[in-house]
N, C-alpha and C. Protein backbone atom coordinates (compact mmCIF):
# COMPACT_ATOMS: atom_id res chain seq x y z
N MET A 1 0.97 -1.25 -0.31
CA MET A 1 -0.02 0.28 0.14
C MET A 1 0.76 1.51 0.20
N SER A 2 0.72 2.34 -0.93
CA SER A 2 1.49 3.05 -1.25
C SER A 2 0.83 4.13 -0.02
N LYS A 3 1.80 5.17 0.58
CA LYS A 3 2.09 6.43 1.22
C LYS A 3 0.61 7.40 0.91
N ILE A 4 -0.23 7.50 1.54
CA ILE A 4 -1.58 8.38 1.13
C ILE A 4 -1.41 10.03 1.81
N TYR A 5 -1.09 10.70 1.31
CA TYR A 5 -0.94 12.10 1.59
C TYR A 5 -2.40 13.12 1.90
N VAL A 6 -2.50 14.01 2.50
CA VAL A 6 -3.29 15.34 2.68
C VAL A 6 -2.56 16.22 2.67
N THR A 7 -3.64 17.13 2.79
CA THR A 7 -3.54 18.79 3.10
C THR A 7 -4.23 19.62 3.66
N LEU A 8 -3.43 19.62 5.01
CA LEU A 8 -4.28 20.42 6.46
C LEU A 8 -4.38 22.01 5.84
N THR A 9 -5.90 22.30 6.11
CA THR A 9 -5.72 23.54 5.73
C THR A 9 -6.92 24.47 6.37
N GLY A 10 -6.83 25.48 6.08
CA GLY A 10 -8.04 26.14 7.31
C GLY A 10 -6.90 26.50 9.01
N THR A 11 -5.43 26.61 8.95
CA THR A 11 -4.78 26.75 10.70
C THR A 11 -5.21 28.39 10.59
N ASN A 12 -5.22 29.13 9.87
CA ASN A 12 -5.39 30.63 10.55
C ASN A 12 -6.52 30.68 10.73
N HIS A 13 -7.63 30.20 10.53
CA HIS A 13 -9.00 30.37 12.46
C HIS A 13 -8.46 29.74 13.26
N TYR A 14 -7.59 28.96 13.87
CA TYR A 14 -7.31 28.79 14.58
C TYR A 14 -5.99 28.75 15.31
N PHE A 15 -4.53 28.20 15.07
CA PHE A 15 -3.85 28.09 15.94
C PHE A 15 -2.84 28.84 14.82
N GLY A 16 -2.39 29.08 13.66
CA GLY A 16 -1.63 29.23 12.84
C GLY A 16 -1.50 27.78 11.93
N LYS A 17 0.29 27.97 11.90
CA LYS A 17 0.79 26.89 11.45
C LYS A 17 2.78 26.99 11.83
N GLU A 18 2.33 28.27 12.42
CA GLU A 18 3.93 28.09 13.16
C GLU A 18 4.56 27.70 13.59
N PHE A 19 3.46 26.66 14.34
CA PHE A 19 4.60 25.62 15.63
C PHE A 19 4.20 24.12 14.50
N LEU A 20 4.09 23.95 13.07
CA LEU A 20 4.25 23.15 12.79
C LEU A 20 5.09 22.54 12.37
N LYS A 21 6.11 21.51 12.60
CA LYS A 21 7.14 20.88 11.62
C LYS A 21 7.11 19.58 11.11
N LYS A 22 7.74 19.32 10.64
CA LYS A 22 7.91 17.86 9.86
C LYS A 22 7.85 16.70 10.93
N GLY A 23 7.34 15.52 11.03
CA GLY A 23 7.32 15.36 11.98
C GLY A 23 6.14 15.79 13.19
N THR A 24 5.85 16.89 13.10
CA THR A 24 4.75 17.06 13.85
C THR A 24 3.08 15.43 14.13
N LYS A 25 2.36 14.90 15.34
CA LYS A 25 1.93 14.40 14.71
C LYS A 25 0.51 14.95 15.44
N ILE A 26 -0.10 14.26 14.61
CA ILE A 26 -1.71 15.47 14.61
C ILE A 26 -3.02 13.38 14.42
N ARG A 27 -3.89 14.45 14.40
CA ARG A 27 -4.81 12.72 14.79
C ARG A 27 -6.23 13.92 13.43
N LEU A 28 -6.46 12.93 13.21
CA LEU A 28 -7.79 12.86 11.83
C LEU A 28 -8.64 12.37 12.51
N GLU A 29 -10.20 13.32 12.42
CA GLU A 29 -11.30 12.85 12.89
C GLU A 29 -12.21 13.74 11.92
N LYS A 30 -13.20 12.13 11.84
CA LYS A 30 -14.60 12.70 10.99
C LYS A 30 -15.37 13.60 12.01
N GLU A 31 -15.76 14.49 10.91
CA GLU A 31 -16.89 15.45 11.71
C GLU A 31 -18.26 14.86 10.34
N PRO A 32 -19.04 14.09 10.31
CA PRO A 32 -20.39 13.96 9.83
C PRO A 32 -21.40 14.84 9.93
N ASP A 33 -21.21 15.51 10.90
CA ASP A 33 -22.49 16.43 11.34
C ASP A 33 -22.44 17.98 11.05
N ASN A 34 -20.96 18.44 10.45
CA ASN A 34 -20.64 19.65 9.70
C ASN A 34 -21.71 19.51 8.69
N GLU A 35 -21.84 21.66 9.33
CA GLU A 35 -23.06 21.94 8.50
C GLU A 35 -22.74 21.74 6.80
N TYR A 36 -21.52 22.41 6.79
CA TYR A 36 -20.97 23.16 5.10
C TYR A 36 -20.66 21.52 4.84
N ASP A 37 -20.18 20.37 5.01
CA ASP A 37 -19.68 19.34 4.11
C ASP A 37 -19.43 18.29 4.96
N LYS A 38 -20.39 17.05 4.36
CA LYS A 38 -20.51 16.24 4.64
C LYS A 38 -19.56 14.81 5.75
N GLU A 39 -18.53 15.89 4.35
CA GLU A 39 -16.81 14.72 4.29
C GLU A 39 -15.97 14.63 5.03
N ALA A 40 -16.30 16.21 5.80
CA ALA A 40 -15.24 16.78 6.28
C ALA A 40 -14.62 15.74 7.66
N ILE A 41 -13.18 16.27 7.43
CA ILE A 41 -12.59 15.67 8.55
C ILE A 41 -11.20 16.30 9.32
N LYS A 42 -12.14 17.03 10.85
CA LYS A 42 -10.82 18.08 11.42
C LYS A 42 -9.41 17.19 12.04
N VAL A 43 -8.89 18.11 12.09
CA VAL A 43 -7.56 18.12 12.17
C VAL A 43 -7.42 18.41 13.70
N THR A 44 -7.03 17.74 14.66
CA THR A 44 -6.67 18.02 16.19
C THR A 44 -4.97 17.72 16.23
N TYR A 45 -4.63 18.28 17.44
CA TYR A 45 -2.98 18.43 18.44
C TYR A 45 -3.47 18.46 19.64
N GLU A 46 -2.94 17.67 19.82
CA GLU A 46 -2.83 17.18 21.68
C GLU A 46 -2.83 18.51 22.43
N GLY A 47 -3.20 18.80 23.39
CA GLY A 47 -3.21 20.04 23.95
C GLY A 47 -3.60 21.14 23.43
N LEU A 48 -3.60 21.13 21.94
CA LEU A 48 -4.47 22.50 21.40
C LEU A 48 -6.08 22.47 20.67
N GLY A 49 -6.58 20.93 20.24
CA GLY A 49 -7.64 21.06 19.99
C GLY A 49 -7.90 21.06 18.28
N LYS A 50 -8.89 21.85 17.77
CA LYS A 50 -9.13 21.58 16.56
C LYS A 50 -7.97 22.90 15.92
N ILE A 51 -7.08 22.37 15.02
CA ILE A 51 -5.90 22.88 14.53
C ILE A 51 -6.49 22.93 13.01
N GLY A 52 -7.27 22.51 11.90
CA GLY A 52 -7.62 22.56 10.76
C GLY A 52 -8.58 21.44 10.87
N TYR A 53 -8.70 21.63 9.25
CA TYR A 53 -8.87 20.21 8.73
C TYR A 53 -8.10 19.92 7.36
N VAL A 54 -9.13 18.69 7.15
CA VAL A 54 -8.15 18.36 6.31
C VAL A 54 -8.70 18.86 4.60
N ALA A 55 -8.31 19.04 3.52
CA ALA A 55 -8.60 20.05 2.30
C ALA A 55 -9.61 19.28 1.58
N ASN A 56 -10.63 19.63 1.30
CA ASN A 56 -11.87 19.05 0.12
C ASN A 56 -12.28 19.76 -0.89
N SER A 57 -11.20 20.28 -1.12
CA SER A 57 -11.91 21.38 -2.89
C SER A 57 -10.78 21.59 -3.53
N PHE A 58 -10.70 21.52 -4.51
CA PHE A 58 -9.40 21.56 -5.25
C PHE A 58 -8.90 22.51 -5.56
N ASN A 59 -9.66 23.67 -4.46
CA ASN A 59 -8.60 24.94 -4.64
C ASN A 59 -7.90 24.84 -3.86
N THR A 60 -8.01 24.34 -2.53
CA THR A 60 -7.30 24.17 -1.01
C THR A 60 -6.27 22.61 -1.33
N VAL A 61 -6.72 21.39 -2.24
CA VAL A 61 -5.61 20.01 -2.14
C VAL A 61 -5.30 20.92 -2.81
N LEU A 62 -3.59 20.09 -2.19
CA LEU A 62 -1.91 20.66 -2.66
C LEU A 62 -1.56 19.72 -3.47
N GLY A 63 -0.99 19.57 -4.94
CA GLY A 63 -0.08 18.56 -5.97
C GLY A 63 -0.91 17.30 -5.77
N ASP A 64 -0.86 16.30 -5.14
CA ASP A 64 -1.18 14.77 -5.69
C ASP A 64 -1.69 14.53 -4.22
N SER A 65 -1.97 15.01 -2.88
CA SER A 65 -2.46 14.79 -2.08
C SER A 65 -3.77 14.61 -2.22
N MET A 66 -4.77 13.92 -1.47
CA MET A 66 -5.89 13.38 -1.47
C MET A 66 -6.89 14.62 -1.07
N SER A 67 -8.13 14.50 -1.27
CA SER A 67 -9.00 15.05 -0.69
C SER A 67 -9.72 14.26 0.50
N ALA A 68 -10.36 15.60 1.59
CA ALA A 68 -11.08 14.59 2.35
C ALA A 68 -11.83 13.71 2.03
N GLY A 69 -12.93 13.91 0.92
CA GLY A 69 -13.56 13.09 0.73
C GLY A 69 -12.89 11.43 -0.11
N ARG A 70 -11.72 11.86 -0.72
CA ARG A 70 -11.29 10.58 -1.12
C ARG A 70 -10.64 10.02 -0.66
N ILE A 71 -10.87 9.87 0.92
CA ILE A 71 -10.47 9.27 2.01
C ILE A 71 -10.89 8.79 3.23
N TYR A 72 -12.38 9.77 2.79
CA TYR A 72 -13.46 9.66 4.43
C TYR A 72 -13.66 7.99 4.28
N ASP A 73 -13.86 6.83 3.83
CA ASP A 73 -14.16 5.62 3.36
C ASP A 73 -12.69 5.17 4.05
N LYS A 74 -11.28 5.34 3.68
CA LYS A 74 -10.50 4.58 4.01
C LYS A 74 -9.97 4.30 5.25
N ILE A 75 -10.56 5.54 5.96
CA ILE A 75 -9.97 5.83 7.94
C ILE A 75 -11.45 5.52 8.25
N GLY A 76 -11.39 5.11 9.60
CA GLY A 76 -12.19 5.04 10.53
C GLY A 76 -12.71 6.46 10.98
N LYS A 77 -13.18 6.17 12.39
CA LYS A 77 -13.84 7.54 12.04
C LYS A 77 -12.74 8.44 13.49
N THR A 78 -11.73 7.70 13.10
CA THR A 78 -10.38 8.48 13.85
C THR A 78 -9.06 7.93 12.76
N ALA A 79 -8.04 8.86 12.52
CA ALA A 79 -6.54 8.65 11.95
C ALA A 79 -5.91 8.88 12.44
N LYS A 80 -4.27 8.75 12.63
CA LYS A 80 -3.18 8.94 13.04
C LYS A 80 -2.96 9.79 11.77
N ALA A 81 -1.83 10.72 11.98
CA ALA A 81 -1.17 11.19 10.58
C ALA A 81 0.13 12.14 11.21
N LYS A 82 0.82 12.46 10.06
CA LYS A 82 2.12 13.18 10.45
C LYS A 82 2.67 14.31 9.64
N VAL A 83 3.32 15.47 9.84
CA VAL A 83 3.31 16.43 8.88
C VAL A 83 4.49 16.09 7.86
N VAL A 84 4.39 16.32 7.05
CA VAL A 84 5.51 15.85 6.33
C VAL A 84 6.13 17.24 5.30
N LEU A 85 5.32 17.83 5.34
CA LEU A 85 5.85 19.27 4.63
C LEU A 85 5.08 20.48 4.92
N VAL A 86 5.50 21.66 5.41
CA VAL A 86 4.81 22.51 5.62
C VAL A 86 5.51 23.53 4.53
N THR A 87 3.89 25.00 3.88
CA THR A 87 4.62 25.46 3.45
C THR A 87 3.28 26.84 3.36
N ASP A 88 3.63 27.89 2.02
CA ASP A 88 2.72 28.88 2.86
C ASP A 88 1.78 28.81 2.04
N HIS A 89 1.40 27.76 1.68
CA HIS A 89 -0.69 27.42 0.96
C HIS A 89 -0.90 26.50 1.10
N GLY A 90 -0.31 25.64 2.52
CA GLY A 90 -0.99 24.28 3.13
C GLY A 90 0.14 23.70 3.19
N THR A 91 -0.15 22.33 4.40
CA THR A 91 0.91 21.63 5.07
C THR A 91 0.45 20.26 4.45
N ILE A 92 1.32 19.68 4.16
CA ILE A 92 0.98 18.43 3.38
C ILE A 92 1.26 17.53 5.15
N CYS A 93 0.37 16.31 4.35
CA CYS A 93 0.23 15.05 5.84
C CYS A 93 0.28 13.95 5.28
N SER A 94 0.81 12.90 6.04
CA SER A 94 0.77 11.82 5.97
C SER A 94 -0.18 10.75 6.60
N ILE A 95 -0.89 9.94 6.22
CA ILE A 95 -1.70 8.95 7.10
C ILE A 95 -0.50 7.75 7.07
N SER A 96 -1.02 7.33 8.67
CA SER A 96 -0.65 6.00 9.07
C SER A 96 -1.28 4.88 8.31
N LYS A 97 0.06 4.48 8.22
CA LYS A 97 -0.18 2.99 7.30
C LYS A 97 -1.54 2.43 8.39
N LYS A 98 -0.76 2.36 9.68
CA LYS A 98 -1.54 1.56 10.81
C LYS A 98 -3.02 1.77 10.56
N SER A 99 -3.60 3.38 10.80
CA SER A 99 -4.93 3.70 10.54
C SER A 99 -5.10 3.42 9.34
N LEU A 100 -5.09 2.57 8.62
CA LEU A 100 -5.42 2.48 7.24
C LEU A 100 -5.88 1.07 7.34
N LEU A 101 -4.28 0.42 7.59
CA LEU A 101 -5.05 -1.30 8.26
C LEU A 101 -5.85 -1.33 8.64
N ASP A 102 -6.15 -0.69 9.75
CA ASP A 102 -7.14 -0.73 10.85
C ASP A 102 -8.48 -0.66 10.34
N ASN A 103 -8.63 0.33 9.27
CA ASN A 103 -9.74 0.63 9.11
C ASN A 103 -10.15 -0.93 8.11
N GLN A 104 -9.47 -1.17 7.28
CA GLN A 104 -9.79 -2.09 5.73
C GLN A 104 -10.03 -3.64 6.60
N LYS A 105 -9.30 -3.85 8.26
CA LYS A 105 -9.72 -4.61 8.69
C LYS A 105 -11.58 -4.93 9.35
N LYS A 106 -11.60 -4.02 9.52
CA LYS A 106 -13.05 -3.53 10.02
C LYS A 106 -13.64 -3.65 8.79
N VAL A 107 -13.87 -3.29 7.94
CA VAL A 107 -14.91 -3.09 6.49
C VAL A 107 -14.29 -4.99 6.17
N LYS A 108 -13.35 -5.26 6.05
CA LYS A 108 -13.09 -6.79 5.81
C LYS A 108 -14.33 -7.62 6.82
N LYS A 109 -14.02 -7.49 8.34
CA LYS A 109 -14.84 -8.09 8.96
C LYS A 109 -16.45 -7.82 9.11
N ALA A 110 -16.70 -6.94 8.50
CA ALA A 110 -18.29 -6.37 8.51
C ALA A 110 -18.69 -6.48 7.36
N GLU A 111 -17.93 -6.85 6.13
CA GLU A 111 -18.56 -7.54 5.00
C GLU A 111 -18.59 -8.84 5.33
N THR A 112 -17.54 -9.77 6.10
CA THR A 112 -17.65 -10.79 6.52
C THR A 112 -19.47 -11.33 7.40
N GLU A 113 -19.97 -11.05 8.09
CA GLU A 113 -20.81 -10.37 9.29
C GLU A 113 -21.79 -10.31 8.40
N VAL A 114 -22.35 -8.83 7.38
CA VAL A 114 -23.25 -9.52 5.96
C VAL A 114 -23.39 -10.68 5.79
N GLU A 115 -22.11 -11.57 4.46
CA GLU A 115 -22.40 -12.55 4.49
C GLU A 115 -23.21 -13.55 5.16
N GLU A 116 -22.84 -13.30 6.43
CA GLU A 116 -22.87 -15.11 7.33
C GLU A 116 -24.60 -15.44 7.81
């Protein structure tokens, strides 16, 4: 499985991005009750809380990173990620392979239970 990258956006509405460095660990959490985007994935940082969102628009997704909509079904309710690159236009993060694998196991288990 190849790495999955996402763009962290909206940091200016919270704490900025100055504290984000390569290797900073963050948490992704689905926010299905978000009034603006049903595929919203908020990004939190321990001790601060919400620091932004996974980009979900062609205007905010950088390079080959995936939008929130494209990863929504690839993660569970939460996922771990870490910062790879901080730029003036957004922050690129990679999702933990363990977060992706754990969700795949849950999906397969649910499919098996439905078949039985």
